[in-house]
Amino acid sequence: MKDNFDRFIALVWPEDGDFDSPKQGYHVTPGDSGGGTYGGVIEATWAHYAATGLVQGTLRNASLADLKAVLRAEAWGAVGDVLPAGVDILVANGKMMTGRYASIVEQCIGWTGSDVDNSIGPHDLARIADSDAKTLMMALHGNHYAYLQRLPSWNEFKGGWERRLVAALDAAVAALPAVAAPTS
């Protein structure tokens, strides 16, 4: 949903400086295969968008506006604005945390085998639109958690990842449209 990009940013850049907040500054976390990170953007992702002309300079000296531009392009992507409220936040968070998150989405909407191409396209969007958003969000949350548990770095990063997954689910549920109470 178009209006939720700022909610996504508030999730990944919380005021307390946790998760991927720019308050951490440019840093390298020992054991993190992503290398240098700033505001949740890793060096390889920054280099890609610098090569396309979206941003300039180095990740270490990136502005908040440039970091947001990269997150909008990379994590929010072409589908963030059209996904249902709540699902959009989980998908963007998942893409930011685990690059290949689209395959998790595809599995949650029923694709298997060669149908899973790690790209959320028109057929995927149609299935998502036909899904109950809250049920899909719970499936995404559970499958993302299971995916992270299978990673060799799970034991090292599980505390932060678990907090992030819970915070993402909370933000996604909060973004769901209010359901009007039935009238008698």
C-alpha atoms as a PDB file:
ATOM      1  CA  MET A   1       0.000   0.000   0.000  1.00  0.00           C
ATOM      2  CA  LYS A   2       1.429   3.315  -1.076  1.00  0.00           C
ATOM      3  CA  ASP A   3       0.944   5.016   2.305  1.00  0.00           C
ATOM      4  CA  ASN A   4       2.883   2.424   4.315  1.00  0.00           C
ATOM      5  CA  PHE A   5       6.449   3.097   3.174  1.00  0.00           C
ATOM      6  CA  ASP A   6       6.918   5.477   6.109  1.00  0.00           C
ATOM      7  CA  ARG A   7       5.610   2.795   8.505  1.00  0.00           C
ATOM      8  CA  PHE A   8       8.184   0.427   7.044  1.00  0.00           C
ATOM      9  CA  ILE A   9      10.936   2.993   7.579  1.00  0.00           C
ATOM     10  CA  ALA A  10       9.762   3.537  11.175  1.00  0.00           C
ATOM     11  CA  LEU A  11      10.010  -0.228  11.703  1.00  0.00           C
ATOM     12  CA  VAL A  12      13.542  -0.610  10.370  1.00  0.00           C
ATOM     13  CA  TRP A  13      14.770   2.737  11.698  1.00  0.00           C
ATOM     14  CA  PRO A  14      13.231   2.824  15.188  1.00  0.00           C
ATOM     15  CA  GLU A  15      13.793   5.828  17.427  1.00  0.00           C
ATOM     16  CA  ASP A  16      15.786   3.737  19.915  1.00  0.00           C
ATOM     17  CA  GLY A  17      18.463   3.092  17.288  1.00  0.00           C
ATOM     18  CA  ASP A  18      17.867  -0.679  17.195  1.00  0.00           C
ATOM     19  CA  PHE A  19      17.627  -2.918  14.108  1.00  0.00           C
ATOM     20  CA  ASP A  20      19.004  -1.085  11.078  1.00  0.00           C
ATOM     21  CA  SER A  21      18.767   2.459  12.376  1.00  0.00           C
ATOM     22  CA  PRO A  22      21.068   5.027  10.781  1.00  0.00           C
ATOM     23  CA  LYS A  23      21.876   6.032  14.385  1.00  0.00           C
ATOM     24  CA  GLN A  24      24.255   3.063  14.361  1.00  0.00           C
ATOM     25  CA  GLY A  25      26.235   4.767  11.608  1.00  0.00           C
ATOM     26  CA  TYR A  26      28.240   2.848   9.084  1.00  0.00           C
ATOM     27  CA  HIS A  27      29.329  -0.407  10.680  1.00  0.00           C
ATOM     28  CA  VAL A  28      30.559  -3.903  10.011  1.00  0.00           C
ATOM     29  CA  THR A  29      29.053  -6.603  12.200  1.00  0.00           C
ATOM     30  CA  PRO A  30      31.434  -9.516  12.720  1.00  0.00           C
ATOM     31  CA  GLY A  31      29.991 -12.646  11.142  1.00  0.00           C
ATOM     32  CA  ASP A  32      27.498 -10.755   8.954  1.00  0.00           C
ATOM     33  CA  SER A  33      27.985 -11.809   5.343  1.00  0.00           C
ATOM     34  CA  GLY A  34      26.497  -8.494   4.144  1.00  0.00           C
ATOM     35  CA  GLY A  35      29.674  -6.614   5.013  1.00  0.00           C
ATOM     36  CA  GLY A  36      29.461  -2.894   5.729  1.00  0.00           C
ATOM     37  CA  THR A  37      25.976  -1.644   6.544  1.00  0.00           C
ATOM     38  CA  TYR A  38      24.403   1.752   7.037  1.00  0.00           C
ATOM     39  CA  GLY A  39      20.705   2.272   7.641  1.00  0.00           C
ATOM     40  CA  GLY A  40      20.050  -1.334   6.629  1.00  0.00           C
ATOM     41  CA  VAL A  41      21.731  -0.922   3.247  1.00  0.00           C
ATOM     42  CA  ILE A  42      24.704  -3.169   2.554  1.00  0.00           C
ATOM     43  CA  GLU A  43      27.707  -2.280   0.406  1.00  0.00           C
ATOM     44  CA  ALA A  44      26.721  -4.490  -2.560  1.00  0.00           C
ATOM     45  CA  THR A  45      23.232  -2.995  -2.696  1.00  0.00           C
ATOM     46  CA  TRP A  46      24.631   0.533  -2.453  1.00  0.00           C
ATOM     47  CA  ALA A  47      27.122  -0.193  -5.250  1.00  0.00           C
ATOM     48  CA  HIS A  48      24.312  -1.493  -7.472  1.00  0.00           C
ATOM     49  CA  TYR A  49      22.217   1.656  -7.036  1.00  0.00           C
ATOM     50  CA  ALA A  50      25.251   3.917  -7.365  1.00  0.00           C
ATOM     51  CA  ALA A  51      25.959   2.212 -10.714  1.00  0.00           C
ATOM     52  CA  THR A  52      22.381   2.907 -11.837  1.00  0.00           C
ATOM     53  CA  GLY A  53      22.716   6.580 -10.855  1.00  0.00           C
ATOM     54  CA  LEU A  54      20.075   6.486  -8.111  1.00  0.00           C
ATOM     55  CA  VAL A  55      22.681   7.532  -5.526  1.00  0.00           C
ATOM     56  CA  GLN A  56      26.191   8.912  -5.569  1.00  0.00           C
ATOM     57  CA  GLY A  57      29.222   8.697  -3.333  1.00  0.00           C
ATOM     58  CA  THR A  58      29.926   6.067  -0.736  1.00  0.00           C
ATOM     59  CA  LEU A  59      27.626   4.207   1.604  1.00  0.00           C
ATOM     60  CA  ARG A  60      29.681   5.412   4.554  1.00  0.00           C
ATOM     61  CA  ASN A  61      28.758   9.033   3.699  1.00  0.00           C
ATOM     62  CA  ALA A  62      25.180   8.426   2.518  1.00  0.00           C
ATOM     63  CA  SER A  63      22.430  10.872   3.393  1.00  0.00           C
ATOM     64  CA  LEU A  64      19.203   9.680   4.989  1.00  0.00           C
ATOM     65  CA  ALA A  65      17.383  10.630   1.787  1.00  0.00           C
ATOM     66  CA  ASP A  66      19.732   8.428  -0.256  1.00  0.00           C
ATOM     67  CA  LEU A  67      19.342   5.525   2.182  1.00  0.00           C
ATOM     68  CA  LYS A  68      15.541   5.857   1.915  1.00  0.00           C
ATOM     69  CA  ALA A  69      15.771   5.959  -1.888  1.00  0.00           C
ATOM     70  CA  VAL A  70      17.743   2.708  -1.910  1.00  0.00           C
ATOM     71  CA  LEU A  71      15.346   1.042   0.546  1.00  0.00           C
ATOM     72  CA  ARG A  72      12.373   2.181  -1.536  1.00  0.00           C
ATOM     73  CA  ALA A  73      13.961   0.736  -4.682  1.00  0.00           C
ATOM     74  CA  GLU A  74      15.379  -2.454  -3.170  1.00  0.00           C
ATOM     75  CA  ALA A  75      13.086  -3.518  -0.313  1.00  0.00           C
ATOM     76  CA  TRP A  76       9.808  -1.767  -1.114  1.00  0.00           C
ATOM     77  CA  GLY A  77      10.346  -2.312  -4.809  1.00  0.00           C
ATOM     78  CA  ALA A  78       7.794  -2.205  -7.564  1.00  0.00           C
ATOM     79  CA  VAL A  79       5.203  -4.117  -5.545  1.00  0.00           C
ATOM     80  CA  GLY A  80       5.205  -2.368  -2.167  1.00  0.00           C
ATOM     81  CA  ASP A  81       2.714   0.239  -3.319  1.00  0.00           C
ATOM     82  CA  VAL A  82       0.218  -2.359  -4.578  1.00  0.00           C
ATOM     83  CA  LEU A  83       0.395  -5.025  -1.871  1.00  0.00           C
ATOM     84  CA  PRO A  84      -2.332  -5.063   0.781  1.00  0.00           C
ATOM     85  CA  ALA A  85      -1.694  -3.076   3.947  1.00  0.00           C
ATOM     86  CA  GLY A  86       0.367  -5.097   6.386  1.00  0.00           C
ATOM     87  CA  VAL A  87       1.540  -7.561   3.754  1.00  0.00           C
ATOM     88  CA  ASP A  88       3.540  -4.706   2.221  1.00  0.00           C
ATOM     89  CA  ILE A  89       5.458  -4.120   5.455  1.00  0.00           C
ATOM     90  CA  LEU A  90       6.267  -7.808   5.956  1.00  0.00           C
ATOM     91  CA  VAL A  91       7.397  -8.224   2.352  1.00  0.00           C
ATOM     92  CA  ALA A  92       9.635  -5.139   2.454  1.00  0.00           C
ATOM     93  CA  ASN A  93      11.106  -6.155   5.806  1.00  0.00           C
ATOM     94  CA  GLY A  94      11.688  -9.682   4.546  1.00  0.00           C
ATOM     95  CA  LYS A  95      13.363  -8.468   1.362  1.00  0.00           C
ATOM     96  CA  MET A  96      15.581  -6.202   3.420  1.00  0.00           C
ATOM     97  CA  MET A  97      16.574  -8.968   5.824  1.00  0.00           C
ATOM     98  CA  THR A  98      16.868 -11.889   3.405  1.00  0.00           C
ATOM     99  CA  GLY A  99      17.178 -10.748  -0.204  1.00  0.00           C
ATOM    100  CA  ARG A 100      15.458 -13.850  -1.604  1.00  0.00           C
ATOM    101  CA  TYR A 101      12.243 -13.206   0.318  1.00  0.00           C
ATOM    102  CA  ALA A 102      10.030 -13.257  -2.773  1.00  0.00           C
ATOM    103  CA  SER A 103      10.380 -17.048  -2.866  1.00  0.00           C
ATOM    104  CA  ILE A 104       8.942 -17.178   0.671  1.00  0.00           C
ATOM    105  CA  VAL A 105       6.003 -15.082  -0.542  1.00  0.00           C
ATOM    106  CA  GLU A 106       5.452 -17.367  -3.519  1.00  0.00           C
ATOM    107  CA  GLN A 107       5.474 -20.465  -1.335  1.00  0.00           C
ATOM    108  CA  CYS A 108       2.961 -18.875   1.048  1.00  0.00           C
ATOM    109  CA  ILE A 109       0.525 -18.225  -1.795  1.00  0.00           C
ATOM    110  CA  GLY A 110       0.748 -21.782  -3.044  1.00  0.00           C
ATOM    111  CA  TRP A 111       3.413 -21.872  -5.733  1.00  0.00           C
ATOM    112  CA  THR A 112       5.741 -24.870  -5.728  1.00  0.00           C
ATOM    113  CA  GLY A 113       8.679 -26.198  -7.718  1.00  0.00           C
ATOM    114  CA  SER A 114       9.480 -24.323 -10.910  1.00  0.00           C
ATOM    115  CA  ASP A 115       6.618 -21.865 -10.261  1.00  0.00           C
ATOM    116  CA  VAL A 116       8.785 -20.280  -7.546  1.00  0.00           C
ATOM    117  CA  ASP A 117      10.981 -17.784  -9.404  1.00  0.00           C
ATOM    118  CA  ASN A 118      11.828 -15.323  -6.571  1.00  0.00           C
ATOM    119  CA  SER A 119      10.012 -12.533  -8.334  1.00  0.00           C
ATOM    120  CA  ILE A 120       6.641 -11.137  -7.321  1.00  0.00           C
ATOM    121  CA  GLY A 121       4.824 -10.683 -10.609  1.00  0.00           C
ATOM    122  CA  PRO A 122       1.237 -10.189 -11.828  1.00  0.00           C
ATOM    123  CA  HIS A 123       0.140 -13.786 -11.128  1.00  0.00           C
ATOM    124  CA  ASP A 124       1.554 -13.573  -7.601  1.00  0.00           C
ATOM    125  CA  LEU A 125      -0.178 -10.236  -7.018  1.00  0.00           C
ATOM    126  CA  ALA A 126      -3.494 -11.745  -8.146  1.00  0.00           C
ATOM    127  CA  ARG A 127      -3.110 -14.613  -5.674  1.00  0.00           C
ATOM    128  CA  ILE A 128      -2.144 -12.187  -2.921  1.00  0.00           C
ATOM    129  CA  ALA A 129      -5.209 -10.045  -3.673  1.00  0.00           C
ATOM    130  CA  ASP A 130      -7.387 -13.156  -3.356  1.00  0.00           C
ATOM    131  CA  SER A 131      -5.826 -14.077   0.005  1.00  0.00           C
ATOM    132  CA  ASP A 132      -6.942 -13.055   3.457  1.00  0.00           C
ATOM    133  CA  ALA A 133      -4.291 -10.482   4.430  1.00  0.00           C
ATOM    134  CA  LYS A 134      -4.005 -11.525   8.080  1.00  0.00           C
ATOM    135  CA  THR A 135      -3.736 -15.240   7.216  1.00  0.00           C
ATOM    136  CA  LEU A 136      -1.081 -14.450   4.608  1.00  0.00           C
ATOM    137  CA  MET A 137       0.804 -12.269   7.089  1.00  0.00           C
ATOM    138  CA  MET A 138       0.919 -15.106   9.636  1.00  0.00           C
ATOM    139  CA  ALA A 139       2.185 -17.509   6.954  1.00  0.00           C
ATOM    140  CA  LEU A 140       4.842 -15.024   5.849  1.00  0.00           C
ATOM    141  CA  HIS A 141       5.935 -14.480   9.440  1.00  0.00           C
ATOM    142  CA  GLY A 142       6.186 -18.218  10.179  1.00  0.00           C
ATOM    143  CA  ASN A 143       7.974 -19.079   6.949  1.00  0.00           C
ATOM    144  CA  HIS A 144      10.455 -16.227   7.341  1.00  0.00           C
ATOM    145  CA  TYR A 145      11.196 -17.355  10.892  1.00  0.00           C
ATOM    146  CA  ALA A 146      11.729 -20.951   9.684  1.00  0.00           C
ATOM    147  CA  TYR A 147      13.995 -19.727   6.864  1.00  0.00           C
ATOM    148  CA  LEU A 148      16.171 -17.743   9.282  1.00  0.00           C
ATOM    149  CA  GLN A 149      16.407 -20.706  11.677  1.00  0.00           C
ATOM    150  CA  ARG A 150      17.952 -22.782   8.886  1.00  0.00           C
ATOM    151  CA  LEU A 151      20.773 -20.298   8.281  1.00  0.00           C
ATOM    152  CA  PRO A 152      24.214 -21.174   9.674  1.00  0.00           C
ATOM    153  CA  SER A 153      24.342 -17.777  11.413  1.00  0.00           C
ATOM    154  CA  TRP A 154      21.032 -18.336  13.270  1.00  0.00           C
ATOM    155  CA  ASN A 155      22.618 -18.915  16.685  1.00  0.00           C
ATOM    156  CA  GLU A 156      24.712 -15.778  16.411  1.00  0.00           C
ATOM    157  CA  PHE A 157      21.944 -13.411  15.251  1.00  0.00           C
ATOM    158  CA  LYS A 158      18.731 -15.057  16.478  1.00  0.00           C
ATOM    159  CA  GLY A 159      18.063 -12.581  19.287  1.00  0.00           C
ATOM    160  CA  GLY A 160      18.021  -9.573  17.010  1.00  0.00           C
ATOM    161  CA  TRP A 161      16.265 -11.418  14.215  1.00  0.00           C
ATOM    162  CA  GLU A 162      13.519 -12.646  16.528  1.00  0.00           C
ATOM    163  CA  ARG A 163      12.931  -9.111  17.877  1.00  0.00           C
ATOM    164  CA  ARG A 164      12.833  -7.778  14.329  1.00  0.00           C
ATOM    165  CA  LEU A 165      10.368 -10.444  13.156  1.00  0.00           C
ATOM    166  CA  VAL A 166       8.023  -9.745  16.072  1.00  0.00           C
ATOM    167  CA  ALA A 167       8.283  -5.975  15.512  1.00  0.00           C
ATOM    168  CA  ALA A 168       7.565  -6.452  11.797  1.00  0.00           C
ATOM    169  CA  LEU A 169       4.493  -8.564  12.516  1.00  0.00           C
ATOM    170  CA  ASP A 170       3.282  -5.997  15.060  1.00  0.00           C
ATOM    171  CA  ALA A 171       3.752  -3.173  12.526  1.00  0.00           C
ATOM    172  CA  ALA A 172       1.990  -5.207   9.837  1.00  0.00           C
ATOM    173  CA  VAL A 173      -1.006  -5.975  12.063  1.00  0.00           C
ATOM    174  CA  ALA A 174      -1.207  -2.308  13.086  1.00  0.00           C
ATOM    175  CA  ALA A 175      -1.357  -1.367   9.394  1.00  0.00           C
ATOM    176  CA  LEU A 176      -4.384  -3.550   8.708  1.00  0.00           C
ATOM    177  CA  PRO A 177      -7.463  -1.518   7.908  1.00  0.00           C
ATOM    178  CA  ALA A 178      -9.873  -1.209  10.815  1.00  0.00           C
ATOM    179  CA  VAL A 179     -12.890  -3.450  10.486  1.00  0.00           C
ATOM    180  CA  ALA A 180     -16.159  -1.760  11.307  1.00  0.00           C
ATOM    181  CA  ALA A 181     -18.104  -3.319  14.138  1.00  0.00           C
ATOM    182  CA  PRO A 182     -21.379  -4.879  13.017  1.00  0.00           C
ATOM    183  CA  THR A 183     -24.447  -2.827  13.769  1.00  0.00           C
ATOM    184  CA  SER A 184     -27.521  -4.393  15.277  1.00  0.00           C
END
